[in-house]
Amino acid sequence: MSSYATIGQSLRVGIVGSGFVARLRAEIFSQDARLEVKAIAGTLEKVQAIAQEFNIANVHQYWSELVVRDDIDLVVICNVNRDHAAVVGQALRSGKHVIVEYPLSFSLAEAQQLIELANKQKLMLHVEHIELLGGVHQLVKENIAKVGVPFYARYSTKSPQRPVPDKWTYKPDLFGFPLTAAVSRLNRIIVLFGKVKAVSCQLSYGGDRLPHHFTSCVCNAQLQFENGVLADVSYSKGENFWIPERVMEVQGSLGGIVFNGDKGKLISENVELELDAGSTRGLFKKDTENVMSHLFEGTPLYNNNENVLHSLTVANAAEKSAASNQTVFI
């Protein structure tokens, strides 16, 4: 049984969102006999299609109607980034456990208030960070001791998109500051190396509909960790990029690990070992299984809210640095 609340035979779920992740969550929930999806809220045409596919009885246009339903124990939030904090807050105040896609909120102060509220209400607040479940992160964690004392790290993604769709993920007010919206880039490094003491960041948007819609974005941050590690984190996407990239790199006193996509190498003085991270498919299912195990059996969540808060601290510092063109000390 849960360490938060007593749950009966069936856990009743409500989904807020109408995109790819909402449909994927509905599909995963439909495969677990312990769960029953009672309602879904979002863009009507889209949620009606999801509801029909997975036999969800209740459809809402407004999330505010879903989160107060008496027949829901768990609210799963996968709508636009800007609204995450508002939905989480109302769901917690309505006595629901919560799964939310990152980011928990745009601001650290708001995130702290939500985590405190969850603790006070004795409810689960789980922020999804599936990058921690992926093969690249798992293999880096497994082999990092072999690089000796870590000295330098890098995580960089570039996602060409042509033409850019008219979606919220290209609208700064809905998407947020890039390294807040993509806070997983920071979180995966922070989980490996601990606390950051200083951040320097540069941000550039492209497009003729700014500031409301961009067609390209590049956001580069340099992190100084308390343990001496220096790290570069880069998030880029849109029409001004032509070659995709997903690189994870750790260099240390005894060796280095470099991943390009899902293929990597561990290199030291006497060893060169191939590393294969496999597919990134199935990570949302792993996330869901971990949460259900936590709620039903009390097993620990794979992600902790201390790292969630520190990652948002760093993201907020990066945003301040990009605006001021100065290094921000945490």
Protein backbone atom coordinates (compact mmCIF):
# COMPACT_ATOMS: atom_id res chain seq x y z
CA MET A 1 0.00 0.00 0.00
CA SER A 2 1.03 3.58 -0.58
CA SER A 3 3.05 5.51 1.96
CA TYR A 4 0.81 8.47 1.13
CA ALA A 5 -2.77 7.18 1.15
CA THR A 6 -4.78 3.99 1.18
CA ILE A 7 -5.73 2.95 -2.31
CA GLY A 8 -8.34 0.33 -3.10
CA GLN A 9 -8.33 -2.25 -5.84
CA SER A 10 -8.68 0.30 -8.65
CA LEU A 11 -6.74 3.53 -9.00
CA ARG A 12 -8.91 6.07 -10.81
CA VAL A 13 -7.02 8.32 -13.21
CA GLY A 14 -7.68 11.63 -14.97
CA ILE A 15 -5.50 12.88 -17.83
CA VAL A 16 -4.94 16.57 -18.61
CA GLY A 17 -3.62 16.96 -22.17
CA SER A 18 -4.49 15.99 -25.72
CA GLY A 19 -1.16 15.44 -27.48
CA PHE A 20 1.20 12.53 -28.09
CA VAL A 21 2.07 11.97 -24.42
CA ALA A 22 -1.59 12.09 -23.30
CA ARG A 23 -2.47 9.38 -25.82
CA LEU A 24 0.58 7.33 -24.86
CA ARG A 25 -0.29 7.54 -21.15
CA ALA A 26 -3.89 6.49 -21.92
CA GLU A 27 -2.58 3.48 -23.86
CA ILE A 28 -0.22 2.45 -21.04
CA PHE A 29 -2.94 2.86 -18.38
CA SER A 30 -5.36 0.76 -20.45
CA GLN A 31 -2.94 -2.19 -20.13
CA ASP A 32 -2.94 -2.20 -16.30
CA ALA A 33 -5.92 -3.91 -14.65
CA ARG A 34 -5.33 -1.91 -11.44
CA LEU A 35 -6.06 1.37 -13.23
CA GLU A 36 -9.18 2.95 -14.66
CA VAL A 37 -9.01 6.18 -16.67
CA LYS A 38 -12.17 8.06 -15.70
CA ALA A 39 -11.73 11.33 -17.61
CA ILE A 40 -9.55 13.31 -20.00
CA ALA A 41 -9.40 17.08 -20.58
CA GLY A 42 -7.98 19.15 -23.42
CA THR A 43 -8.64 20.21 -27.01
CA LEU A 44 -12.08 18.66 -27.54
CA GLU A 45 -11.61 17.05 -30.94
CA LYS A 46 -8.32 15.44 -29.85
CA VAL A 47 -9.47 14.21 -26.43
CA GLN A 48 -12.67 12.82 -27.90
CA ALA A 49 -10.56 10.69 -30.27
CA ILE A 50 -8.37 9.45 -27.38
CA ALA A 51 -11.45 8.78 -25.24
CA GLN A 52 -13.06 6.77 -28.02
CA GLU A 53 -9.89 4.73 -28.64
CA PHE A 54 -9.40 3.80 -24.97
CA ASN A 55 -13.01 3.76 -23.70
CA ILE A 56 -12.71 6.81 -21.46
CA ALA A 57 -16.23 7.77 -20.40
CA ASN A 58 -15.80 11.46 -19.53
CA VAL A 59 -14.37 14.22 -21.71
CA HIS A 60 -13.76 17.81 -20.58
CA GLN A 61 -12.64 20.89 -22.46
CA TYR A 62 -11.31 22.52 -19.28
CA TRP A 63 -8.83 20.91 -16.89
CA SER A 64 -10.39 22.82 -13.99
CA GLU A 65 -13.45 20.57 -14.33
CA LEU A 66 -11.43 17.35 -14.34
CA VAL A 67 -9.17 17.94 -11.32
CA VAL A 68 -12.10 18.45 -8.91
CA ARG A 69 -13.94 15.23 -9.84
CA ASP A 70 -14.68 13.01 -6.83
CA ASP A 71 -14.05 9.83 -8.85
CA ILE A 72 -10.35 10.54 -9.54
CA ASP A 73 -7.38 9.55 -7.33
CA LEU A 74 -4.51 10.47 -9.65
CA VAL A 75 -4.17 13.35 -12.14
CA VAL A 76 -1.64 13.00 -14.98
CA ILE A 77 -0.61 16.35 -16.46
CA CYS A 78 0.84 16.58 -19.97
CA ASN A 79 -0.50 19.86 -21.37
CA VAL A 80 1.35 23.10 -22.28
CA ASN A 81 4.33 23.88 -20.02
CA ARG A 82 2.97 27.27 -18.90
CA ASP A 83 -0.06 25.67 -17.22
CA HIS A 84 1.68 22.84 -15.35
CA ALA A 85 1.98 24.67 -12.03
CA ALA A 86 -1.66 25.83 -12.03
CA VAL A 87 -2.99 22.33 -12.77
CA VAL A 88 -0.68 20.68 -10.22
CA GLY A 89 -1.73 23.14 -7.52
CA GLN A 90 -5.45 22.64 -8.10
CA ALA A 91 -5.07 18.86 -8.30
CA LEU A 92 -3.18 18.73 -4.99
CA ARG A 93 -5.69 21.04 -3.29
CA SER A 94 -8.40 18.67 -4.55
CA GLY A 95 -6.69 15.73 -2.83
CA LYS A 96 -5.23 14.01 -5.91
CA HIS A 97 -1.88 12.34 -6.42
CA VAL A 98 -0.04 13.94 -9.38
CA ILE A 99 2.21 12.90 -12.24
CA VAL A 100 3.41 15.91 -14.26
CA GLU A 101 5.70 16.12 -17.27
CA TYR A 102 8.70 18.41 -16.72
CA PRO A 103 8.91 21.29 -16.01
CA LEU A 104 6.97 21.34 -12.75
CA SER A 105 6.75 25.13 -13.13
CA PHE A 106 8.57 28.03 -14.72
CA SER A 107 9.72 29.46 -11.36
CA LEU A 108 11.63 27.90 -8.49
CA ALA A 109 9.47 29.63 -5.87
CA GLU A 110 6.31 28.14 -7.34
CA ALA A 111 7.89 24.68 -7.56
CA GLN A 112 8.91 24.86 -3.90
CA GLN A 113 5.35 25.82 -2.90
CA LEU A 114 3.89 22.88 -4.86
CA ILE A 115 6.27 20.35 -3.31
CA GLU A 116 5.51 21.72 0.16
CA LEU A 117 1.78 21.47 -0.59
CA ALA A 118 2.12 17.84 -1.69
CA ASN A 119 4.03 16.99 1.49
CA LYS A 120 1.46 18.78 3.65
CA GLN A 121 -1.40 16.95 1.90
CA LYS A 122 0.51 13.62 2.12
CA LEU A 123 0.12 13.21 -1.64
CA MET A 124 2.53 12.00 -4.31
CA LEU A 125 3.93 14.67 -6.64
CA HIS A 126 6.04 12.94 -9.29
CA VAL A 127 7.80 15.00 -11.97
CA GLU A 128 8.51 12.78 -15.00
CA HIS A 129 12.19 12.72 -16.00
CA ILE A 130 12.40 9.70 -18.28
CA GLU A 131 15.91 10.64 -19.41
CA LEU A 132 17.07 9.08 -16.11
CA LEU A 133 15.55 5.75 -17.19
CA GLY A 134 17.17 5.79 -20.65
CA GLY A 135 20.06 3.60 -21.71
CA VAL A 136 22.52 6.48 -22.19
CA HIS A 137 22.09 7.78 -18.64
CA GLN A 138 22.11 4.28 -17.15
CA LEU A 139 25.34 3.33 -18.95
CA VAL A 140 27.06 6.61 -18.02
CA LYS A 141 26.06 6.09 -14.37
CA GLU A 142 27.25 2.47 -14.50
CA ASN A 143 30.66 3.36 -16.00
CA ILE A 144 31.39 6.81 -14.59
CA ALA A 145 33.70 5.50 -11.85
CA LYS A 146 36.00 4.23 -14.63
CA VAL A 147 36.79 7.78 -15.83
CA GLY A 148 38.40 8.56 -12.47
CA VAL A 149 37.91 12.09 -11.17
CA PRO A 150 35.41 13.80 -13.53
CA PHE A 151 36.78 16.98 -15.10
CA TYR A 152 34.43 17.98 -17.93
CA ALA A 153 30.94 17.05 -19.15
CA ARG A 154 28.76 18.00 -22.11
CA TYR A 155 25.21 17.32 -23.20
CA SER A 156 24.10 18.74 -26.54
CA THR A 157 21.00 18.25 -28.70
CA LYS A 158 20.23 19.79 -32.07
CA SER A 159 16.84 19.09 -33.70
CA PRO A 160 16.35 20.35 -37.28
CA GLN A 161 12.70 21.14 -38.06
CA ARG A 162 11.62 22.45 -41.46
CA PRO A 163 9.13 23.99 -41.64
CA VAL A 164 8.50 24.67 -37.97
CA PRO A 165 4.91 23.77 -37.03
CA ASP A 166 2.51 26.32 -35.56
CA LYS A 167 2.63 24.54 -32.20
CA TRP A 168 3.00 25.71 -28.59
CA THR A 169 6.50 24.23 -28.45
CA TYR A 170 7.65 27.14 -30.64
CA LYS A 171 5.82 29.84 -28.62
CA PRO A 172 7.98 31.21 -25.78
CA ASP A 173 5.07 32.20 -23.52
CA LEU A 174 3.69 28.62 -23.60
CA PHE A 175 6.98 26.72 -23.93
CA GLY A 176 9.06 28.78 -21.50
CA PHE A 177 12.76 29.59 -21.37
CA PRO A 178 14.41 26.76 -23.36
CA LEU A 179 16.45 25.25 -20.52
CA THR A 180 13.39 25.39 -18.26
CA ALA A 181 11.20 23.76 -20.91
CA ALA A 182 13.99 21.25 -21.55
CA VAL A 183 15.14 21.08 -17.92
CA SER A 184 15.88 17.37 -18.41
CA ARG A 185 19.14 18.49 -20.09
CA LEU A 186 20.22 20.06 -16.81
CA ASN A 187 18.74 17.38 -14.56
CA ARG A 188 20.65 14.49 -16.13
CA ILE A 189 23.97 16.31 -15.53
CA ILE A 190 23.00 17.43 -11.99
CA VAL A 191 22.05 13.86 -11.00
CA LEU A 192 25.59 12.80 -11.99
CA PHE A 193 27.63 15.67 -10.51
CA GLY A 194 25.61 17.31 -7.73
CA LYS A 195 25.21 20.99 -6.94
CA VAL A 196 25.97 23.81 -9.42
CA LYS A 197 27.57 26.99 -8.03
CA ALA A 198 27.61 29.26 -11.10
CA VAL A 199 25.87 29.52 -14.49
CA SER A 200 26.60 31.44 -17.66
CA CYS A 201 24.08 31.25 -20.52
CA GLN A 202 23.45 32.61 -24.01
CA LEU A 203 20.12 32.50 -25.87
CA SER A 204 19.21 33.42 -29.44
CA TYR A 205 15.87 33.12 -31.25
CA GLY A 206 15.22 33.35 -34.99
CA GLY A 207 12.02 34.04 -36.90
CA ASP A 208 9.85 36.87 -38.24
CA ARG A 209 7.02 36.41 -35.68
CA LEU A 210 9.02 37.10 -32.55
CA PRO A 211 8.50 37.39 -29.63
CA HIS A 212 5.34 35.27 -29.92
CA HIS A 213 6.63 32.49 -32.16
CA PHE A 214 10.15 31.42 -33.12
CA THR A 215 11.42 29.30 -35.98
CA SER A 216 14.88 28.64 -34.48
CA CYS A 217 16.39 28.71 -31.05
CA VAL A 218 19.81 28.02 -29.56
CA CYS A 219 20.43 28.05 -25.81
CA ASN A 220 23.93 27.31 -24.48
CA ALA A 221 24.83 27.16 -20.79
CA GLN A 222 28.12 26.67 -18.97
CA LEU A 223 27.83 25.15 -15.50
CA GLN A 224 30.42 25.27 -12.71
CA PHE A 225 29.80 22.49 -10.18
CA GLU A 226 30.79 22.69 -6.53
CA ASN A 227 33.01 19.61 -7.04
CA GLY A 228 35.02 21.39 -9.76
CA VAL A 229 33.44 19.81 -12.86
CA LEU A 230 32.75 22.18 -15.74
CA ALA A 231 29.86 21.31 -18.08
CA ASP A 232 28.40 22.62 -21.33
CA VAL A 233 24.69 22.11 -21.94
CA SER A 234 23.20 23.03 -25.31
CA TYR A 235 19.61 22.91 -26.58
CA SER A 236 18.93 23.88 -30.20
CA LYS A 237 16.06 23.32 -32.61
CA GLY A 238 14.30 24.71 -35.66
CA GLU A 239 14.86 25.80 -39.22
CA ASN A 240 18.43 27.12 -38.84
CA PHE A 241 19.73 23.66 -37.95
CA TRP A 242 20.49 21.06 -40.60
CA ILE A 243 22.39 18.28 -38.85
CA PRO A 244 20.79 16.53 -35.85
CA GLU A 245 22.89 15.86 -32.77
CA ARG A 246 22.53 14.10 -29.42
CA VAL A 247 25.87 13.95 -27.61
CA MET A 248 26.65 13.01 -24.02
CA GLU A 249 30.28 13.30 -22.93
CA VAL A 250 32.19 12.86 -19.66
CA GLN A 251 35.98 13.29 -19.46
CA GLY A 252 38.06 12.47 -16.37
CA SER A 253 41.48 11.67 -14.96
CA LEU A 254 41.43 8.01 -16.06
CA GLY A 255 39.23 8.00 -19.15
CA GLY A 256 36.23 9.33 -21.03
CA ILE A 257 32.72 8.34 -22.07
CA VAL A 258 31.22 9.75 -25.28
CA PHE A 259 27.77 8.93 -26.66
CA ASN A 260 26.60 10.03 -30.09
CA GLY A 261 22.94 9.10 -30.16
CA ASP A 262 22.54 5.65 -28.58
CA LYS A 263 26.05 4.45 -29.52
CA GLY A 264 28.92 5.22 -27.19
CA LYS A 265 32.47 4.42 -26.14
CA LEU A 266 34.35 4.19 -22.89
CA ILE A 267 37.98 5.05 -23.59
CA SER A 268 40.88 4.87 -21.13
CA GLU A 269 44.61 4.30 -21.40
CA ASN A 270 44.30 0.55 -21.95
CA VAL A 271 40.63 0.03 -22.82
CA GLU A 272 38.23 0.98 -25.58
CA LEU A 273 34.79 -0.44 -24.85
CA GLU A 274 31.74 -0.09 -27.12
CA LEU A 275 28.52 0.92 -25.31
CA ASP A 276 25.06 0.43 -26.83
CA ALA A 277 22.19 2.20 -25.08
CA GLY A 278 19.49 0.50 -27.15
CA SER A 279 16.18 2.13 -28.01
CA THR A 280 14.52 5.01 -26.15
CA ARG A 281 11.15 3.36 -26.70
CA GLY A 282 9.22 2.23 -23.64
CA LEU A 283 10.50 4.84 -21.18
CA PHE A 284 7.05 6.27 -20.40
CA LYS A 285 5.94 2.72 -19.58
CA LYS A 286 8.89 2.35 -17.19
CA ASP A 287 7.99 5.70 -15.62
CA THR A 288 4.36 4.60 -15.15
CA GLU A 289 5.38 1.22 -13.71
CA ASN A 290 7.65 2.93 -11.18
CA VAL A 291 4.86 5.29 -10.07
CA MET A 292 2.33 2.46 -9.73
CA SER A 293 4.84 0.43 -7.71
CA HIS A 294 5.33 3.46 -5.48
CA LEU A 295 1.61 4.02 -4.95
CA PHE A 296 0.61 0.40 -4.46
CA GLU A 297 3.71 -0.99 -2.72
CA GLY A 298 5.59 2.04 -1.37
CA THR A 299 8.76 1.49 -3.43
CA PRO A 300 10.87 4.64 -4.01
CA LEU A 301 10.36 6.89 -7.04
CA TYR A 302 13.31 6.95 -9.46
CA ASN A 303 13.35 10.76 -9.49
CA ASN A 304 13.51 12.91 -6.38
CA ASN A 305 12.13 16.40 -5.89
CA GLU A 306 15.40 17.73 -4.45
CA ASN A 307 16.97 17.29 -7.89
CA VAL A 308 13.83 18.75 -9.51
CA LEU A 309 14.25 21.91 -7.41
CA HIS A 310 17.99 22.24 -8.00
CA SER A 311 17.54 21.76 -11.75
CA LEU A 312 14.93 24.55 -11.76
CA THR A 313 17.30 26.70 -9.65
CA VAL A 314 19.93 26.28 -12.37
CA ALA A 315 17.38 26.89 -15.18
CA ASN A 316 16.20 30.12 -13.52
CA ALA A 317 19.84 31.21 -13.09
CA ALA A 318 20.50 30.42 -16.77
CA GLU A 319 17.51 32.57 -17.77
CA LYS A 320 18.80 35.44 -15.62
CA SER A 321 22.29 35.04 -17.10
CA ALA A 322 20.99 35.06 -20.69
CA ALA A 323 19.02 38.26 -19.99
CA SER A 324 21.87 40.06 -18.20
CA ASN A 325 24.81 38.63 -20.17
CA GLN A 326 26.52 37.94 -16.84
CA THR A 327 27.53 34.88 -14.84
CA VAL A 328 24.97 34.10 -12.11
CA PHE A 329 26.16 32.60 -8.84
CA ILE A 330 23.79 30.27 -7.00
